[in-house]
Amino acid sequence: MTRAIHITSRLLLVLLLILTGQALAVARGAPLPTGQVELCTGTGPVMVFVDEDGQPVRAPHYCPEGVLSLLHAVALPELAAPRAAAIRRAARLSFSATAPSLRRLPPLARGPPRGLSPAA
């Protein structure tokens, strides 16, 4: 069962890379406008992009990184808050003072060698 899930998720990721890579290639290979014309209209100035023949073309839109927004479509759902009963149960837990992590270790420090001490 888990093997099938792994294979399916790998295939979906490969498919996602192929589709987004193709969109990136199309966006990068699109012809650029050769100029801009400013039109003064009653609502304000408008910039129109034109090609080499003076024909209007769409404005260039470079946003291949916007593909990452597709991850929002497959995002995991938000986790529900823990129930009050589970919180109360966790608050009642008690820990033993004899647990191995709570035992005191004896001090391991020692003094200097006898030949080097100032009293010798």
PDB file of N, CA and C in Angstrom:
ATOM      1  N   MET A   1       0.827  -1.202   0.000  1.00  0.00           N
ATOM      2  CA  MET A   1       0.000   0.000   0.000  1.00  0.00           C
ATOM      3  C   MET A   1       0.866   1.259   0.000  1.00  0.00           C
ATOM      4  N   THR A   2       1.864   1.282   0.902  1.00  0.00           N
ATOM      5  CA  THR A   2       2.709   2.478   0.950  1.00  0.00           C
ATOM      6  C   THR A   2       3.564   2.592  -0.301  1.00  0.00           C
ATOM      7  N   ARG A   3       3.925   1.457  -0.893  1.00  0.00           N
ATOM      8  CA  ARG A   3       4.706   1.506  -2.133  1.00  0.00           C
ATOM      9  C   ARG A   3       3.889   2.160  -3.245  1.00  0.00           C
ATOM     10  N   ALA A   4       2.613   1.844  -3.313  1.00  0.00           N
ATOM     11  CA  ALA A   4       1.750   2.449  -4.331  1.00  0.00           C
ATOM     12  C   ALA A   4       1.618   3.951  -4.102  1.00  0.00           C
ATOM     13  N   ILE A   5       1.548   4.357  -2.849  1.00  0.00           N
ATOM     14  CA  ILE A   5       1.456   5.791  -2.544  1.00  0.00           C
ATOM     15  C   ILE A   5       2.736   6.500  -2.958  1.00  0.00           C
ATOM     16  N   HIS A   6       3.894   5.869  -2.681  1.00  0.00           N
ATOM     17  CA  HIS A   6       5.169   6.475  -3.065  1.00  0.00           C
ATOM     18  C   HIS A   6       5.283   6.612  -4.584  1.00  0.00           C
ATOM     19  N   ILE A   7       4.909   5.578  -5.295  1.00  0.00           N
ATOM     20  CA  ILE A   7       5.001   5.616  -6.760  1.00  0.00           C
ATOM     21  C   ILE A   7       4.048   6.666  -7.320  1.00  0.00           C
ATOM     22  N   THR A   8       2.833   6.716  -6.791  1.00  0.00           N
ATOM     23  CA  THR A   8       1.854   7.693  -7.267  1.00  0.00           C
ATOM     24  C   THR A   8       2.316   9.111  -6.992  1.00  0.00           C
ATOM     25  N   SER A   9       2.843   9.364  -5.802  1.00  0.00           N
ATOM     26  CA  SER A   9       3.294  10.725  -5.492  1.00  0.00           C
ATOM     27  C   SER A   9       4.481  11.114  -6.364  1.00  0.00           C
ATOM     28  N   ARG A  10       5.371  10.175  -6.639  1.00  0.00           N
ATOM     29  CA  ARG A  10       6.506  10.477  -7.522  1.00  0.00           C
ATOM     30  C   ARG A  10       6.029  10.814  -8.933  1.00  0.00           C
ATOM     31  N   LEU A  11       5.075  10.033  -9.434  1.00  0.00           N
ATOM     32  CA  LEU A  11       4.562  10.300 -10.772  1.00  0.00           C
ATOM     33  C   LEU A  11       3.852  11.650 -10.846  1.00  0.00           C
ATOM     34  N   LEU A  12       3.106  11.996  -9.808  1.00  0.00           N
ATOM     35  CA  LEU A  12       2.432  13.296  -9.791  1.00  0.00           C
ATOM     36  C   LEU A  12       3.436  14.444  -9.753  1.00  0.00           C
ATOM     37  N   LEU A  13       4.512  14.287  -8.991  1.00  0.00           N
ATOM     38  CA  LEU A  13       5.534  15.334  -8.957  1.00  0.00           C
ATOM     39  C   LEU A  13       6.241  15.472 -10.303  1.00  0.00           C
ATOM     40  N   VAL A  14       6.510  14.356 -10.965  1.00  0.00           N
ATOM     41  CA  VAL A  14       7.124  14.414 -12.294  1.00  0.00           C
ATOM     42  C   VAL A  14       6.190  15.111 -13.275  1.00  0.00           C
ATOM     43  N   LEU A  15       4.915  14.784 -13.224  1.00  0.00           N
ATOM     44  CA  LEU A  15       3.936  15.427 -14.098  1.00  0.00           C
ATOM     45  C   LEU A  15       3.860  16.929 -13.827  1.00  0.00           C
ATOM     46  N   LEU A  16       3.889  17.313 -12.559  1.00  0.00           N
ATOM     47  CA  LEU A  16       3.866  18.730 -12.203  1.00  0.00           C
ATOM     48  C   LEU A  16       5.094  19.448 -12.749  1.00  0.00           C
ATOM     49  N   LEU A  17       6.262  18.827 -12.644  1.00  0.00           N
ATOM     50  CA  LEU A  17       7.480  19.435 -13.177  1.00  0.00           C
ATOM     51  C   LEU A  17       7.429  19.568 -14.695  1.00  0.00           C
ATOM     52  N   ILE A  18       6.891  18.569 -15.366  1.00  0.00           N
ATOM     53  CA  ILE A  18       6.797  18.631 -16.828  1.00  0.00           C
ATOM     54  C   ILE A  18       5.867  19.757 -17.255  1.00  0.00           C
ATOM     55  N   LEU A  19       4.697  19.845 -16.629  1.00  0.00           N
ATOM     56  CA  LEU A  19       3.731  20.879 -17.014  1.00  0.00           C
ATOM     57  C   LEU A  19       4.245  22.281 -16.703  1.00  0.00           C
ATOM     58  N   THR A  20       4.822  22.471 -15.526  1.00  0.00           N
ATOM     59  CA  THR A  20       5.310  23.809 -15.174  1.00  0.00           C
ATOM     60  C   THR A  20       6.551  24.163 -15.975  1.00  0.00           C
ATOM     61  N   GLY A  21       7.367  23.167 -16.305  1.00  0.00           N
ATOM     62  CA  GLY A  21       8.533  23.437 -17.142  1.00  0.00           C
ATOM     63  C   GLY A  21       8.123  23.880 -18.535  1.00  0.00           C
ATOM     64  N   GLN A  22       7.081  23.280 -19.070  1.00  0.00           N
ATOM     65  CA  GLN A  22       6.581  23.686 -20.384  1.00  0.00           C
ATOM     66  C   GLN A  22       6.040  25.104 -20.341  1.00  0.00           C
ATOM     67  N   ALA A  23       5.301  25.452 -19.294  1.00  0.00           N
ATOM     68  CA  ALA A  23       4.778  26.815 -19.166  1.00  0.00           C
ATOM     69  C   ALA A  23       5.915  27.816 -19.045  1.00  0.00           C
ATOM     70  N   LEU A  24       6.965  27.448 -18.326  1.00  0.00           N
ATOM     71  CA  LEU A  24       8.123  28.329 -18.190  1.00  0.00           C
ATOM     72  C   LEU A  24       8.807  28.522 -19.537  1.00  0.00           C
ATOM     73  N   ALA A  25       8.936  27.458 -20.314  1.00  0.00           N
ATOM     74  CA  ALA A  25       9.572  27.572 -21.622  1.00  0.00           C
ATOM     75  C   ALA A  25       8.760  28.464 -22.554  1.00  0.00           C
ATOM     76  N   VAL A  26       7.447  28.349 -22.519  1.00  0.00           N
ATOM     77  CA  VAL A  26       6.597  29.200 -23.360  1.00  0.00           C
ATOM     78  C   VAL A  26       6.722  30.653 -22.933  1.00  0.00           C
ATOM     79  N   ALA A  27       6.731  30.909 -21.627  1.00  0.00           N
ATOM     80  CA  ALA A  27       6.832  32.287 -21.136  1.00  0.00           C
ATOM     81  C   ALA A  27       8.181  32.900 -21.489  1.00  0.00           C
ATOM     82  N   ARG A  28       9.242  32.105 -21.403  1.00  0.00           N
ATOM     83  CA  ARG A  28      10.575  32.640 -21.712  1.00  0.00           C
ATOM     84  C   ARG A  28      10.778  32.831 -23.216  1.00  0.00           C
ATOM     85  N   GLY A  29      10.114  32.024 -24.025  1.00  0.00           N
ATOM     86  CA  GLY A  29      10.312  32.114 -25.460  1.00  0.00           C
ATOM     87  C   GLY A  29       9.348  33.040 -26.177  1.00  0.00           C
ATOM     88  N   ALA A  30       8.436  33.661 -25.456  1.00  0.00           N
ATOM     89  CA  ALA A  30       7.457  34.556 -26.086  1.00  0.00           C
ATOM     90  C   ALA A  30       8.164  35.793 -26.643  1.00  0.00           C
ATOM     91  N   PRO A  31       7.738  36.266 -27.821  1.00  0.00           N
ATOM     92  CA  PRO A  31       8.379  37.457 -28.386  1.00  0.00           C
ATOM     93  C   PRO A  31       8.083  38.689 -27.535  1.00  0.00           C
ATOM     94  N   LEU A  32       9.091  39.518 -27.395  1.00  0.00           N
ATOM     95  CA  LEU A  32       8.945  40.727 -26.598  1.00  0.00           C
ATOM     96  C   LEU A  32       8.418  41.869 -27.461  1.00  0.00           C
ATOM     97  N   PRO A  33       7.675  42.772 -26.882  1.00  0.00           N
ATOM     98  CA  PRO A  33       7.274  43.963 -27.641  1.00  0.00           C
ATOM     99  C   PRO A  33       8.503  44.827 -27.901  1.00  0.00           C
ATOM    100  N   THR A  34       8.479  45.525 -29.023  1.00  0.00           N
ATOM    101  CA  THR A  34       9.636  46.348 -29.370  1.00  0.00           C
ATOM    102  C   THR A  34       9.500  47.782 -28.890  1.00  0.00           C
ATOM    103  N   GLY A  35       8.326  48.170 -28.464  1.00  0.00           N
ATOM    104  CA  GLY A  35       8.173  49.551 -28.004  1.00  0.00           C
ATOM    105  C   GLY A  35       6.895  49.746 -27.223  1.00  0.00           C
ATOM    106  N   GLN A  36       6.746  50.990 -26.752  1.00  0.00           N
ATOM    107  CA  GLN A  36       5.552  51.357 -26.001  1.00  0.00           C
ATOM    108  C   GLN A  36       5.012  52.657 -26.573  1.00  0.00           C
ATOM    109  N   VAL A  37       3.701  52.780 -26.545  1.00  0.00           N
ATOM    110  CA  VAL A  37       3.048  54.011 -26.967  1.00  0.00           C
ATOM    111  C   VAL A  37       2.220  54.489 -25.790  1.00  0.00           C
ATOM    112  N   GLU A  38       2.337  55.767 -25.474  1.00  0.00           N
ATOM    113  CA  GLU A  38       1.550  56.324 -24.382  1.00  0.00           C
ATOM    114  C   GLU A  38       0.333  57.019 -24.972  1.00  0.00           C
ATOM    115  N   LEU A  39      -0.843  56.572 -24.561  1.00  0.00           N
ATOM    116  CA  LEU A  39      -2.086  57.180 -25.014  1.00  0.00           C
ATOM    117  C   LEU A  39      -2.664  57.991 -23.867  1.00  0.00           C
ATOM    118  N   CYS A  40      -2.981  59.261 -24.145  1.00  0.00           N
ATOM    119  CA  CYS A  40      -3.585  60.107 -23.123  1.00  0.00           C
ATOM    120  C   CYS A  40      -5.098  60.020 -23.280  1.00  0.00           C
ATOM    121  N   THR A  41      -5.752  59.389 -22.336  1.00  0.00           N
ATOM    122  CA  THR A  41      -7.201  59.219 -22.387  1.00  0.00           C
ATOM    123  C   THR A  41      -7.839  60.083 -21.314  1.00  0.00           C
ATOM    124  N   GLY A  42      -9.155  60.094 -21.284  1.00  0.00           N
ATOM    125  CA  GLY A  42      -9.865  60.890 -20.290  1.00  0.00           C
ATOM    126  C   GLY A  42      -9.665  60.374 -18.873  1.00  0.00           C
ATOM    127  N   THR A  43      -9.294  59.100 -18.723  1.00  0.00           N
ATOM    128  CA  THR A  43      -9.082  58.541 -17.390  1.00  0.00           C
ATOM    129  C   THR A  43      -7.623  58.573 -16.970  1.00  0.00           C
ATOM    130  N   GLY A  44      -6.747  58.996 -17.845  1.00  0.00           N
ATOM    131  CA  GLY A  44      -5.327  59.073 -17.524  1.00  0.00           C
ATOM    132  C   GLY A  44      -4.495  58.408 -18.602  1.00  0.00           C
ATOM    133  N   PRO A  45      -3.173  58.491 -18.476  1.00  0.00           N
ATOM    134  CA  PRO A  45      -2.306  57.900 -19.497  1.00  0.00           C
ATOM    135  C   PRO A  45      -2.345  56.375 -19.446  1.00  0.00           C
ATOM    136  N   VAL A  46      -2.279  55.773 -20.640  1.00  0.00           N
ATOM    137  CA  VAL A  46      -2.287  54.317 -20.778  1.00  0.00           C
ATOM    138  C   VAL A  46      -1.103  53.940 -21.655  1.00  0.00           C
ATOM    139  N   MET A  47      -0.326  52.956 -21.207  1.00  0.00           N
ATOM    140  CA  MET A  47       0.809  52.479 -21.997  1.00  0.00           C
ATOM    141  C   MET A  47       0.368  51.265 -22.809  1.00  0.00           C
ATOM    142  N   VAL A  48       0.608  51.304 -24.123  1.00  0.00           N
ATOM    143  CA  VAL A  48       0.268  50.200 -25.016  1.00  0.00           C
ATOM    144  C   VAL A  48       1.566  49.682 -25.606  1.00  0.00           C
ATOM    145  N   PHE A  49       1.775  48.392 -25.534  1.00  0.00           N
ATOM    146  CA  PHE A  49       2.968  47.780 -26.109  1.00  0.00           C
ATOM    147  C   PHE A  49       2.711  47.475 -27.575  1.00  0.00           C
ATOM    148  N   VAL A  50       3.713  47.715 -28.417  1.00  0.00           N
ATOM    149  CA  VAL A  50       3.571  47.491 -29.857  1.00  0.00           C
ATOM    150  C   VAL A  50       4.734  46.642 -30.350  1.00  0.00           C
ATOM    151  N   ASP A  51       4.494  45.933 -31.476  1.00  0.00           N
ATOM    152  CA  ASP A  51       5.566  45.154 -32.086  1.00  0.00           C
ATOM    153  C   ASP A  51       6.298  46.003 -33.116  1.00  0.00           C
ATOM    154  N   GLU A  52       7.163  45.371 -33.911  1.00  0.00           N
ATOM    155  CA  GLU A  52       7.965  46.144 -34.867  1.00  0.00           C
ATOM    156  C   GLU A  52       7.139  46.762 -35.984  1.00  0.00           C
ATOM    157  N   ASP A  53       5.911  46.262 -36.211  1.00  0.00           N
ATOM    158  CA  ASP A  53       5.038  46.843 -37.226  1.00  0.00           C
ATOM    159  C   ASP A  53       4.105  47.894 -36.652  1.00  0.00           C
ATOM    160  N   GLY A  54       4.188  48.171 -35.370  1.00  0.00           N
ATOM    161  CA  GLY A  54       3.315  49.156 -34.745  1.00  0.00           C
ATOM    162  C   GLY A  54       1.973  48.598 -34.315  1.00  0.00           C
ATOM    163  N   GLN A  55       1.807  47.294 -34.414  1.00  0.00           N
ATOM    164  CA  GLN A  55       0.554  46.663 -34.007  1.00  0.00           C
ATOM    165  C   GLN A  55       0.571  46.409 -32.493  1.00  0.00           C
ATOM    166  N   PRO A  56      -0.561  46.682 -31.831  1.00  0.00           N
ATOM    167  CA  PRO A  56      -0.587  46.454 -30.381  1.00  0.00           C
ATOM    168  C   PRO A  56      -0.451  44.966 -30.040  1.00  0.00           C
ATOM    169  N   VAL A  57       0.304  44.696 -29.011  1.00  0.00           N
ATOM    170  CA  VAL A  57       0.473  43.329 -28.504  1.00  0.00           C
ATOM    171  C   VAL A  57       0.204  43.337 -27.001  1.00  0.00           C
ATOM    172  N   ARG A  58       0.045  42.144 -26.458  1.00  0.00           N
ATOM    173  CA  ARG A  58      -0.183  42.063 -25.013  1.00  0.00           C
ATOM    174  C   ARG A  58       1.074  42.480 -24.262  1.00  0.00           C
ATOM    175  N   ALA A  59       0.858  42.991 -23.067  1.00  0.00           N
ATOM    176  CA  ALA A  59       1.993  43.381 -22.225  1.00  0.00           C
ATOM    177  C   ALA A  59       2.755  42.132 -21.799  1.00  0.00           C
ATOM    178  N   PRO A  60       4.080  42.229 -21.742  1.00  0.00           N
ATOM    179  CA  PRO A  60       4.841  41.053 -21.305  1.00  0.00           C
ATOM    180  C   PRO A  60       4.531  40.744 -19.843  1.00  0.00           C
ATOM    181  N   HIS A  61       4.427  39.480 -19.562  1.00  0.00           N
ATOM    182  CA  HIS A  61       4.126  39.056 -18.197  1.00  0.00           C
ATOM    183  C   HIS A  61       5.107  37.954 -17.834  1.00  0.00           C
ATOM    184  N   TYR A  62       6.071  38.306 -17.031  1.00  0.00           N
ATOM    185  CA  TYR A  62       7.074  37.337 -16.620  1.00  0.00           C
ATOM    186  C   TYR A  62       6.800  36.934 -15.179  1.00  0.00           C
ATOM    187  N   CYS A  63       6.187  35.811 -15.007  1.00  0.00           N
ATOM    188  CA  CYS A  63       5.930  35.331 -13.659  1.00  0.00           C
ATOM    189  C   CYS A  63       5.975  33.806 -13.639  1.00  0.00           C
ATOM    190  N   PRO A  64       7.057  33.199 -14.115  1.00  0.00           N
ATOM    191  CA  PRO A  64       7.106  31.742 -14.068  1.00  0.00           C
ATOM    192  C   PRO A  64       7.168  31.216 -12.642  1.00  0.00           C
ATOM    193  N   GLU A  65       7.610  32.059 -11.718  1.00  0.00           N
ATOM    194  CA  GLU A  65       7.668  31.631 -10.322  1.00  0.00           C
ATOM    195  C   GLU A  65       6.270  31.543  -9.712  1.00  0.00           C
ATOM    196  N   GLY A  66       5.271  32.089 -10.394  1.00  0.00           N
ATOM    197  CA  GLY A  66       3.904  32.013  -9.896  1.00  0.00           C
ATOM    198  C   GLY A  66       3.360  30.598  -9.890  1.00  0.00           C
ATOM    199  N   VAL A  67       4.086  29.690 -10.514  1.00  0.00           N
ATOM    200  CA  VAL A  67       3.656  28.300 -10.544  1.00  0.00           C
ATOM    201  C   VAL A  67       3.622  27.727  -9.129  1.00  0.00           C
ATOM    202  N   LEU A  68       4.421  28.287  -8.233  1.00  0.00           N
ATOM    203  CA  LEU A  68       4.440  27.787  -6.857  1.00  0.00           C
ATOM    204  C   LEU A  68       3.091  27.953  -6.178  1.00  0.00           C
ATOM    205  N   SER A  69       2.256  28.850  -6.712  1.00  0.00           N
ATOM    206  CA  SER A  69       0.933  29.011  -6.115  1.00  0.00           C
ATOM    207  C   SER A  69       0.070  27.766  -6.332  1.00  0.00           C
ATOM    208  N   LEU A  70       0.468  26.893  -7.257  1.00  0.00           N
ATOM    209  CA  LEU A  70      -0.258  25.640  -7.443  1.00  0.00           C
ATOM    210  C   LEU A  70      -0.157  24.747  -6.213  1.00  0.00           C
ATOM    211  N   LEU A  71       0.882  24.935  -5.421  1.00  0.00           N
ATOM    212  CA  LEU A  71       1.026  24.124  -4.217  1.00  0.00           C
ATOM    213  C   LEU A  71      -0.094  24.397  -3.233  1.00  0.00           C
ATOM    214  N   HIS A  72      -0.701  25.569  -3.327  1.00  0.00           N
ATOM    215  CA  HIS A  72      -1.810  25.886  -2.435  1.00  0.00           C
ATOM    216  C   HIS A  72      -3.008  24.981  -2.725  1.00  0.00           C
ATOM    217  N   ALA A  73      -3.119  24.526  -3.956  1.00  0.00           N
ATOM    218  CA  ALA A  73      -4.246  23.670  -4.321  1.00  0.00           C
ATOM    219  C   ALA A  73      -4.152  22.299  -3.657  1.00  0.00           C
ATOM    220  N   VAL A  74      -2.943  21.862  -3.366  1.00  0.00           N
ATOM    221  CA  VAL A  74      -2.768  20.549  -2.744  1.00  0.00           C
ATOM    222  C   VAL A  74      -2.269  20.663  -1.311  1.00  0.00           C
ATOM    223  N   ALA A  75      -2.440  21.825  -0.695  1.00  0.00           N
ATOM    224  CA  ALA A  75      -1.965  22.030   0.673  1.00  0.00           C
ATOM    225  C   ALA A  75      -2.746  21.152   1.644  1.00  0.00           C
ATOM    226  N   LEU A  76      -2.082  20.800   2.709  1.00  0.00           N
ATOM    227  CA  LEU A  76      -2.733  19.980   3.728  1.00  0.00           C
ATOM    228  C   LEU A  76      -3.770  20.800   4.478  1.00  0.00           C
ATOM    229  N   PRO A  77      -4.834  20.164   4.933  1.00  0.00           N
ATOM    230  CA  PRO A  77      -5.835  20.916   5.700  1.00  0.00           C
ATOM    231  C   PRO A  77      -5.267  21.327   7.053  1.00  0.00           C
ATOM    232  N   GLU A  78      -5.855  22.368   7.623  1.00  0.00           N
ATOM    233  CA  GLU A  78      -5.399  22.822   8.931  1.00  0.00           C
ATOM    234  C   GLU A  78      -5.757  21.782   9.980  1.00  0.00           C
ATOM    235  N   LEU A  79      -4.882  21.641  10.958  1.00  0.00           N
ATOM    236  CA  LEU A  79      -5.120  20.666  12.018  1.00  0.00           C
ATOM    237  C   LEU A  79      -6.130  21.208  13.006  1.00  0.00           C
ATOM    238  N   ALA A  80      -6.956  20.327  13.508  1.00  0.00           N
ATOM    239  CA  ALA A  80      -7.952  20.728  14.497  1.00  0.00           C
ATOM    240  C   ALA A  80      -7.271  20.933  15.849  1.00  0.00           C
ATOM    241  N   ALA A  81      -7.838  21.794  16.664  1.00  0.00           N
ATOM    242  CA  ALA A  81      -7.296  22.049  17.994  1.00  0.00           C
ATOM    243  C   ALA A  81      -7.500  20.809  18.865  1.00  0.00           C
ATOM    244  N   PRO A  82      -6.582  20.551  19.802  1.00  0.00           N
ATOM    245  CA  PRO A  82      -6.760  19.381  20.667  1.00  0.00           C
ATOM    246  C   PRO A  82      -7.992  19.532  21.550  1.00  0.00           C
ATOM    247  N   ARG A  83      -8.597  18.406  21.859  1.00  0.00           N
ATOM    248  CA  ARG A  83      -9.798  18.443  22.689  1.00  0.00           C
ATOM    249  C   ARG A  83      -9.443  18.771  24.132  1.00  0.00           C
ATOM    250  N   ALA A  84     -10.391  19.369  24.832  1.00  0.00           N
ATOM    251  CA  ALA A  84     -10.168  19.778  26.218  1.00  0.00           C
ATOM    252  C   ALA A  84      -9.877  18.576  27.106  1.00  0.00           C
ATOM    253  N   ALA A  85     -10.492  17.427  26.825  1.00  0.00           N
ATOM    254  CA  ALA A  85     -10.256  16.239  27.649  1.00  0.00           C
ATOM    255  C   ALA A  85      -8.796  15.801  27.561  1.00  0.00           C
ATOM    256  N   ALA A  86      -8.217  15.866  26.383  1.00  0.00           N
ATOM    257  CA  ALA A  86      -6.817  15.478  26.224  1.00  0.00           C
ATOM    258  C   ALA A  86      -5.905  16.443  26.966  1.00  0.00           C
ATOM    259  N   ILE A  87      -6.252  17.720  26.974  1.00  0.00           N
ATOM    260  CA  ILE A  87      -5.444  18.712  27.687  1.00  0.00           C
ATOM    261  C   ILE A  87      -5.522  18.458  29.188  1.00  0.00           C
ATOM    262  N   ARG A  88      -6.707  18.152  29.707  1.00  0.00           N
ATOM    263  CA  ARG A  88      -6.852  17.876  31.144  1.00  0.00           C
ATOM    264  C   ARG A  88      -6.085  16.612  31.528  1.00  0.00           C
ATOM    265  N   ARG A  89      -6.125  15.593  30.663  1.00  0.00           N
ATOM    266  CA  ARG A  89      -5.402  14.358  30.945  1.00  0.00           C
ATOM    267  C   ARG A  89      -3.901  14.623  31.006  1.00  0.00           C
ATOM    268  N   ALA A  90      -3.395  15.442  30.107  1.00  0.00           N
ATOM    269  CA  ALA A  90      -1.968  15.749  30.104  1.00  0.00           C
ATOM    270  C   ALA A  90      -1.586  16.560  31.335  1.00  0.00           C
ATOM    271  N   ALA A  91      -2.474  17.401  31.832  1.00  0.00           N
ATOM    272  CA  ALA A  91      -2.176  18.212  33.011  1.00  0.00           C
ATOM    273  C   ALA A  91      -2.121  17.354  34.266  1.00  0.00           C
ATOM    274  N   ARG A  92      -2.813  16.212  34.300  1.00  0.00           N
ATOM    275  CA  ARG A  92      -2.831  15.349  35.481  1.00  0.00           C
ATOM    276  C   ARG A  92      -1.641  14.410  35.542  1.00  0.00           C
ATOM    277  N   LEU A  93      -0.853  14.324  34.499  1.00  0.00           N
ATOM    278  CA  LEU A  93       0.285  13.410  34.509  1.00  0.00           C
ATOM    279  C   LEU A  93       1.252  13.812  35.608  1.00  0.00           C
ATOM    280  N   SER A  94       1.767  12.829  36.316  1.00  0.00           N
ATOM    281  CA  SER A  94       2.762  13.116  37.351  1.00  0.00           C
ATOM    282  C   SER A  94       4.024  12.333  37.023  1.00  0.00           C
ATOM    283  N   PHE A  95       5.129  12.871  37.427  1.00  0.00           N
ATOM    284  CA  PHE A  95       6.411  12.251  37.138  1.00  0.00           C
ATOM    285  C   PHE A  95       7.039  11.782  38.439  1.00  0.00           C
ATOM    286  N   SER A  96       7.624  10.630  38.413  1.00  0.00           N
ATOM    287  CA  SER A  96       8.245  10.056  39.598  1.00  0.00           C
ATOM    288  C   SER A  96       9.603  10.696  39.833  1.00  0.00           C
ATOM    289  N   ALA A  97       9.948  10.898  41.116  1.00  0.00           N
ATOM    290  CA  ALA A  97      11.246  11.480  41.455  1.00  0.00           C
ATOM    291  C   ALA A  97      12.361  10.461  41.309  1.00  0.00           C
ATOM    292  N   THR A  98      12.022   9.206  41.070  1.00  0.00           N
ATOM    293  CA  THR A  98      13.048   8.176  40.923  1.00  0.00           C
ATOM    294  C   THR A  98      13.352   7.877  39.458  1.00  0.00           C
ATOM    295  N   ALA A  99      12.859   8.688  38.593  1.00  0.00           N
ATOM    296  CA  ALA A  99      13.139   8.475  37.174  1.00  0.00           C
ATOM    297  C   ALA A  99      14.640   8.602  36.940  1.00  0.00           C
ATOM    298  N   PRO A 100      15.212   7.837  36.018  1.00  0.00           N
ATOM    299  CA  PRO A 100      16.665   7.882  35.799  1.00  0.00           C
ATOM    300  C   PRO A 100      17.170   9.276  35.448  1.00  0.00           C
ATOM    301  N   SER A 101      16.382  10.059  34.784  1.00  0.00           N
ATOM    302  CA  SER A 101      16.859  11.384  34.397  1.00  0.00           C
ATOM    303  C   SER A 101      16.856  12.363  35.562  1.00  0.00           C
ATOM    304  N   LEU A 102      16.167  12.024  36.678  1.00  0.00           N
ATOM    305  CA  LEU A 102      16.090  12.939  37.812  1.00  0.00           C
ATOM    306  C   LEU A 102      17.040  12.554  38.946  1.00  0.00           C
ATOM    307  N   ARG A 103      17.729  11.416  38.870  1.00  0.00           N
ATOM    308  CA  ARG A 103      18.680  11.032  39.922  1.00  0.00           C
ATOM    309  C   ARG A 103      19.888  11.947  39.897  1.00  0.00           C
ATOM    310  N   ARG A 104      20.393  12.269  41.078  1.00  0.00           N
ATOM    311  CA  ARG A 104      21.583  13.125  41.170  1.00  0.00           C
ATOM    312  C   ARG A 104      22.837  12.300  40.951  1.00  0.00           C
ATOM    313  N   LEU A 105      23.716  12.819  40.158  1.00  0.00           N
ATOM    314  CA  LEU A 105      25.002  12.164  39.953  1.00  0.00           C
ATOM    315  C   LEU A 105      25.985  12.680  40.998  1.00  0.00           C
ATOM    316  N   PRO A 106      26.908  11.846  41.453  1.00  0.00           N
ATOM    317  CA  PRO A 106      27.907  12.344  42.415  1.00  0.00           C
ATOM    318  C   PRO A 106      28.853  13.310  41.709  1.00  0.00           C
ATOM    319  N   PRO A 107      29.400  14.282  42.451  1.00  0.00           N
ATOM    320  CA  PRO A 107      30.344  15.218  41.826  1.00  0.00           C
ATOM    321  C   PRO A 107      31.599  14.484  41.370  1.00  0.00           C
ATOM    322  N   LEU A 108      32.088  14.830  40.207  1.00  0.00           N
ATOM    323  CA  LEU A 108      33.248  14.159  39.640  1.00  0.00           C
ATOM    324  C   LEU A 108      34.507  15.019  39.702  1.00  0.00           C
ATOM    325  N   ALA A 109      34.427  16.202  40.265  1.00  0.00           N
ATOM    326  CA  ALA A 109      35.593  17.082  40.311  1.00  0.00           C
ATOM    327  C   ALA A 109      36.586  16.589  41.359  1.00  0.00           C
ATOM    328  N   ARG A 110      37.869  16.901  41.184  1.00  0.00           N
ATOM    329  CA  ARG A 110      38.898  16.549  42.156  1.00  0.00           C
ATOM    330  C   ARG A 110      39.872  17.708  42.253  1.00  0.00           C
ATOM    331  N   GLY A 111      40.675  17.687  43.254  1.00  0.00           N
ATOM    332  CA  GLY A 111      41.666  18.739  43.466  1.00  0.00           C
ATOM    333  C   GLY A 111      42.893  18.517  42.601  1.00  0.00           C
ATOM    334  N   PRO A 112      43.861  19.444  42.676  1.00  0.00           N
ATOM    335  CA  PRO A 112      45.094  19.288  41.891  1.00  0.00           C
ATOM    336  C   PRO A 112      45.943  18.150  42.459  1.00  0.00           C
ATOM    337  N   PRO A 113      46.907  17.661  41.709  1.00  0.00           N
ATOM    338  CA  PRO A 113      47.791  16.601  42.208  1.00  0.00           C
ATOM    339  C   PRO A 113      48.523  17.060  43.479  1.00  0.00           C
ATOM    340  N   ARG A 114      48.904  16.120  44.356  1.00  0.00           N
ATOM    341  CA  ARG A 114      49.510  16.477  45.641  1.00  0.00           C
ATOM    342  C   ARG A 114      50.821  17.222  45.472  1.00  0.00           C
ATOM    343  N   GLY A 115      51.588  16.908  44.509  1.00  0.00           N
ATOM    344  CA  GLY A 115      52.887  17.560  44.343  1.00  0.00           C
ATOM    345  C   GLY A 115      52.764  19.007  43.897  1.00  0.00           C
ATOM    346  N   LEU A 116      51.640  19.413  43.353  1.00  0.00           N
ATOM    347  CA  LEU A 116      51.465  20.765  42.834  1.00  0.00           C
ATOM    348  C   LEU A 116      50.633  21.646  43.749  1.00  0.00           C
ATOM    349  N   SER A 117      50.069  21.092  44.819  1.00  0.00           N
ATOM    350  CA  SER A 117      49.217  21.910  45.679  1.00  0.00           C
ATOM    351  C   SER A 117      50.080  22.870  46.497  1.00  0.00           C
ATOM    352  N   PRO A 118      49.579  24.067  46.836  1.00  0.00           N
ATOM    353  CA  PRO A 118      50.372  25.054  47.575  1.00  0.00           C
ATOM    354  C   PRO A 118      50.693  24.601  48.996  1.00  0.00           C
ATOM    355  N   ALA A 119      49.915  23.685  49.577  1.00  0.00           N
ATOM    356  CA  ALA A 119      50.161  23.263  50.955  1.00  0.00           C
ATOM    357  C   ALA A 119      51.307  22.267  51.034  1.00  0.00           C
ATOM    358  N   ALA A 120      51.716  21.651  49.967  1.00  0.00           N
ATOM    359  CA  ALA A 120      52.748  20.608  50.017  1.00  0.00           C
ATOM    360  C   ALA A 120      54.141  21.123  50.025  1.00  0.00           C
TER     361      ALA A 120
END
